[in-house]
Amino acid sequence: MISATSSVNVSYDPQLEAALFMRKVYAFMSAGLGVTALTAWLVANSVTMQQLIFGNRLVFYGLLFAELGMVVVFSSMVRKMSASNAAILLFCYAIVNGMTLSIIFLLYTHASIFTTFLVTSATFGTMSIYGFFTHRDLTSFGNILMMGLVGVIIASVVNIFTHSPALYWAVTYLGVFVFTGLTAYDTQKIKDMNTLGGNGGPGEDTKLALSGALMLYLDFVNLFLLLLRLFGRRR
């Protein structure tokens, strides 16, 4: 006799769930980087936009403060937003960031920008894979990196006034180390973040993925800009 009911064993694989979540994070991050790159290229090829952004310091610094404001709002309010509004804010940030980053196309050769992008991608990818698969807790390492990041920010502000070449290069090399390490740390943090808070439904899961995407986006962009100082060829 065939039973009318049967039991189905559904196994839960945390590693698979984490991999699926990280795939969503990387998809959002890659889309954001793509929007930034396209915006930067379009602005760099528009004389009108160049004059508007770089011909007026108020506009340029206004965009920089707008970027900072959007990051602060996103980080503090993402849990209260809808997933669609969070996505809109992320991509608005990517567009504004692309507008200010368009200056690299005016300062560096296209070949060196492309080469630096490849180096950044390889470095970022390696460290992110390490952060995902390592069983070592990177929290203590991350705390050290955050202190290093504070040092980089303070030193960069100081060098605006001192214009010291030695400090400039010290900040560059330290910054490369900091953001390379933060890539691994943030990847592990995002992976754990999904494990701890990713059960609130599709909307909450998407907002967590968007939040993680912004973290990795910032790591990638900052690492790219610092490596461009080292490998970029001026026009």
Protein backbone atom coordinates (compact mmCIF):
# COMPACT_ATOMS: atom_id res chain seq x y z
CA MET A 1 0.00 0.00 0.00
CA ILE A 2 1.28 3.46 -0.89
CA SER A 3 0.94 5.97 1.92
CA ALA A 4 -1.04 9.11 1.14
CA THR A 5 1.49 11.17 3.01
CA SER A 6 5.23 11.23 2.65
CA SER A 7 7.94 13.09 4.46
CA VAL A 8 10.31 15.29 2.56
CA ASN A 9 13.66 16.00 4.07
CA VAL A 10 14.75 19.52 3.29
CA SER A 11 18.31 20.16 4.33
CA TYR A 12 19.40 23.69 5.17
CA ASP A 13 22.85 24.58 3.90
CA PRO A 14 24.10 27.81 5.58
CA GLN A 15 27.04 28.07 3.19
CA LEU A 16 24.73 27.87 0.18
CA GLU A 17 22.38 30.46 1.66
CA ALA A 18 25.30 32.76 2.36
CA ALA A 19 26.60 32.27 -1.19
CA LEU A 20 23.20 33.15 -2.68
CA PHE A 21 22.98 36.24 -0.50
CA MET A 22 26.50 37.37 -1.42
CA ARG A 23 25.69 36.88 -5.08
CA LYS A 24 22.89 39.42 -4.63
CA VAL A 25 25.29 41.77 -2.82
CA TYR A 26 27.86 41.53 -5.62
CA ALA A 27 25.14 42.07 -8.22
CA PHE A 28 24.03 45.33 -6.59
CA MET A 29 27.65 46.42 -6.07
CA SER A 30 28.57 45.68 -9.70
CA ALA A 31 25.50 47.54 -10.94
CA GLY A 32 26.45 50.54 -8.79
CA LEU A 33 30.01 50.50 -10.12
CA GLY A 34 28.67 50.25 -13.66
CA VAL A 35 26.40 53.27 -13.13
CA THR A 36 29.31 55.22 -11.64
CA ALA A 37 31.65 54.33 -14.51
CA LEU A 38 29.06 55.22 -17.17
CA THR A 39 28.25 58.53 -15.47
CA ALA A 40 31.94 59.40 -15.14
CA TRP A 41 32.58 58.63 -18.80
CA LEU A 42 29.58 60.67 -19.98
CA VAL A 43 30.56 63.69 -17.86
CA ALA A 44 34.20 63.45 -19.00
CA ASN A 45 33.01 63.59 -22.62
CA SER A 46 30.72 66.58 -22.08
CA VAL A 47 32.35 70.01 -22.07
CA THR A 48 29.17 71.51 -20.63
CA MET A 49 29.14 69.11 -17.67
CA GLN A 50 32.87 69.59 -17.09
CA GLN A 51 32.43 73.35 -16.90
CA LEU A 52 29.40 73.00 -14.63
CA ILE A 53 31.09 70.64 -12.13
CA PHE A 54 34.74 71.63 -12.22
CA GLY A 55 34.37 75.24 -13.27
CA ASN A 56 32.53 76.11 -10.08
CA ARG A 57 33.91 75.02 -6.72
CA LEU A 58 30.53 75.42 -5.06
CA VAL A 59 29.02 72.84 -7.40
CA PHE A 60 31.92 70.39 -6.99
CA TYR A 61 32.03 70.61 -3.20
CA GLY A 62 28.24 70.58 -3.10
CA LEU A 63 28.30 67.23 -4.88
CA LEU A 64 30.90 65.91 -2.44
CA PHE A 65 28.77 66.91 0.54
CA ALA A 66 25.72 65.42 -1.17
CA GLU A 67 27.61 62.10 -1.47
CA LEU A 68 28.51 62.20 2.21
CA GLY A 69 24.92 63.04 3.14
CA MET A 70 23.51 60.18 1.08
CA VAL A 71 25.88 57.67 2.68
CA VAL A 72 24.92 58.89 6.16
CA VAL A 73 21.19 58.78 5.36
CA PHE A 74 21.46 55.35 3.76
CA SER A 75 23.47 53.86 6.63
CA SER A 76 21.19 55.25 9.33
CA MET A 77 17.80 54.91 7.64
CA VAL A 78 18.05 51.81 5.41
CA ARG A 79 16.14 49.60 7.88
CA LYS A 80 13.23 52.08 7.87
CA MET A 81 13.12 52.46 4.08
CA SER A 82 11.39 50.25 1.60
CA ALA A 83 13.70 48.08 -0.49
CA SER A 84 12.87 50.11 -3.61
CA ASN A 85 13.69 53.44 -1.94
CA ALA A 86 16.94 52.03 -0.60
CA ALA A 87 17.88 50.90 -4.12
CA ILE A 88 17.01 54.32 -5.56
CA LEU A 89 19.18 56.06 -2.98
CA LEU A 90 22.09 53.70 -3.64
CA PHE A 91 22.00 54.33 -7.37
CA CYS A 92 21.53 58.08 -6.90
CA TYR A 93 24.72 57.99 -4.86
CA ALA A 94 26.44 56.01 -7.61
CA ILE A 95 25.45 58.68 -10.16
CA VAL A 96 26.64 61.61 -8.04
CA ASN A 97 29.88 59.77 -7.26
CA GLY A 98 30.38 59.18 -10.97
CA MET A 99 29.99 62.91 -11.61
CA THR A 100 32.83 63.78 -9.21
CA LEU A 101 35.01 60.82 -10.22
CA SER A 102 34.83 61.86 -13.87
CA ILE A 103 37.87 64.02 -13.14
CA ILE A 104 40.09 60.92 -13.34
CA PHE A 105 39.44 60.75 -17.09
CA LEU A 106 40.81 64.26 -17.37
CA LEU A 107 43.87 63.60 -15.21
CA TYR A 108 44.96 60.09 -16.21
CA THR A 109 45.33 58.18 -19.46
CA HIS A 110 42.56 55.74 -20.34
CA ALA A 111 45.07 52.88 -20.54
CA SER A 112 46.32 53.43 -16.98
CA ILE A 113 42.75 53.74 -15.68
CA PHE A 114 41.88 50.41 -17.29
CA THR A 115 45.04 48.73 -15.97
CA THR A 116 44.39 50.03 -12.46
CA PHE A 117 40.82 48.81 -12.65
CA LEU A 118 42.06 45.31 -13.48
CA VAL A 119 44.55 45.38 -10.60
CA THR A 120 41.85 46.63 -8.25
CA SER A 121 39.40 43.95 -9.41
CA ALA A 122 41.97 41.18 -8.88
CA THR A 123 42.95 42.48 -5.44
CA PHE A 124 39.35 43.05 -4.36
CA GLY A 125 38.22 39.67 -5.65
CA THR A 126 41.02 37.80 -3.90
CA MET A 127 40.42 39.47 -0.54
CA SER A 128 36.65 39.15 -0.77
CA ILE A 129 36.94 35.42 -1.50
CA TYR A 130 39.26 35.09 1.48
CA GLY A 131 36.81 36.96 3.70
CA PHE A 132 33.97 34.71 2.60
CA PHE A 133 35.68 31.36 3.05
CA THR A 134 38.03 31.93 5.98
CA HIS A 135 37.04 30.43 9.32
CA ARG A 136 39.17 32.96 11.16
CA ASP A 137 37.28 35.70 12.98
CA LEU A 138 38.45 38.97 11.43
CA THR A 139 36.80 41.23 14.02
CA SER A 140 40.00 42.19 15.85
CA PHE A 141 41.76 42.74 12.53
CA GLY A 142 38.83 44.88 11.40
CA ASN A 143 39.07 47.05 14.51
CA ILE A 144 42.73 47.75 13.72
CA LEU A 145 41.83 48.60 10.12
CA MET A 146 39.11 51.01 11.27
CA MET A 147 41.68 52.83 13.42
CA GLY A 148 43.94 52.92 10.39
CA LEU A 149 41.10 54.37 8.33
CA VAL A 150 40.61 57.14 10.88
CA GLY A 151 44.33 57.86 10.64
CA VAL A 152 44.14 58.01 6.84
CA ILE A 153 41.23 60.46 6.98
CA ILE A 154 42.94 62.72 9.53
CA ALA A 155 46.25 62.66 7.66
CA SER A 156 44.48 63.44 4.37
CA VAL A 157 42.75 66.46 5.90
CA VAL A 158 46.04 67.69 7.40
CA ASN A 159 47.78 67.31 4.05
CA ILE A 160 45.23 69.59 2.41
CA PHE A 161 46.98 72.39 4.28
CA THR A 162 50.57 71.10 4.47
CA HIS A 163 50.92 69.74 0.91
CA SER A 164 53.60 67.31 2.08
CA PRO A 165 54.68 64.78 -0.61
CA ALA A 166 55.95 62.41 2.08
CA LEU A 167 52.62 62.46 3.90
CA TYR A 168 50.78 62.09 0.59
CA TRP A 169 52.59 58.86 -0.24
CA ALA A 170 52.39 57.57 3.33
CA VAL A 171 48.60 58.04 3.24
CA THR A 172 48.46 56.33 -0.15
CA TYR A 173 50.32 53.19 0.92
CA LEU A 174 48.53 53.00 4.26
CA GLY A 175 45.20 53.51 2.52
CA VAL A 176 45.88 50.64 0.10
CA PHE A 177 46.64 48.37 3.05
CA VAL A 178 43.55 49.52 4.95
CA PHE A 179 41.04 49.09 2.11
CA THR A 180 42.57 45.80 0.99
CA GLY A 181 42.07 44.46 4.51
CA LEU A 182 38.62 46.04 4.87
CA THR A 183 37.47 44.17 1.77
CA ALA A 184 38.03 40.84 3.52
CA TYR A 185 36.65 42.09 6.84
CA ASP A 186 33.54 43.65 5.33
CA THR A 187 32.84 40.53 3.25
CA GLN A 188 32.87 38.39 6.39
CA LYS A 189 30.79 40.99 8.22
CA ILE A 190 28.17 41.05 5.44
CA LYS A 191 28.07 37.26 5.34
CA ASP A 192 27.48 37.15 9.11
CA MET A 193 24.97 40.00 8.84
CA ASN A 194 22.81 37.86 6.57
CA THR A 195 23.03 34.92 8.98
CA LEU A 196 21.94 37.07 11.93
CA GLY A 197 19.33 39.26 10.27
CA GLY A 198 18.37 37.80 6.94
CA ASN A 199 15.13 36.10 7.96
CA GLY A 200 12.77 39.07 7.76
CA GLY A 201 11.44 38.28 4.30
CA PRO A 202 12.46 39.22 0.74
CA GLY A 203 12.28 42.97 1.41
CA GLU A 204 14.55 42.84 4.44
CA ASP A 205 16.91 40.49 2.65
CA THR A 206 17.17 42.93 -0.26
CA LYS A 207 17.86 45.86 2.08
CA LEU A 208 20.62 43.87 3.77
CA ALA A 209 22.07 43.09 0.35
CA LEU A 210 21.93 46.76 -0.64
CA SER A 211 23.62 47.76 2.61
CA GLY A 212 26.37 45.21 2.02
CA ALA A 213 26.71 46.36 -1.59
CA LEU A 214 27.36 49.94 -0.47
CA MET A 215 30.07 48.78 1.96
CA LEU A 216 31.90 46.80 -0.71
CA TYR A 217 31.31 49.53 -3.31
CA LEU A 218 33.08 52.04 -1.06
CA ASP A 219 35.95 49.61 -0.44
CA PHE A 220 36.38 49.05 -4.18
CA VAL A 221 36.21 52.71 -5.19
CA ASN A 222 38.62 53.87 -2.49
CA LEU A 223 41.08 51.07 -3.26
CA PHE A 224 40.86 51.94 -6.96
CA LEU A 225 41.55 55.64 -6.37
CA LEU A 226 44.53 54.89 -4.12
CA LEU A 227 46.01 52.41 -6.60
CA LEU A 228 45.46 54.96 -9.35
CA ARG A 229 47.82 57.27 -7.46
CA LEU A 230 50.46 54.53 -7.72
CA PHE A 231 49.87 53.17 -11.22
CA GLY A 232 48.07 55.99 -13.01
CA ARG A 233 49.86 57.89 -15.75
CA ARG A 234 49.09 61.57 -15.90
CA ARG A 235 48.00 63.13 -19.17
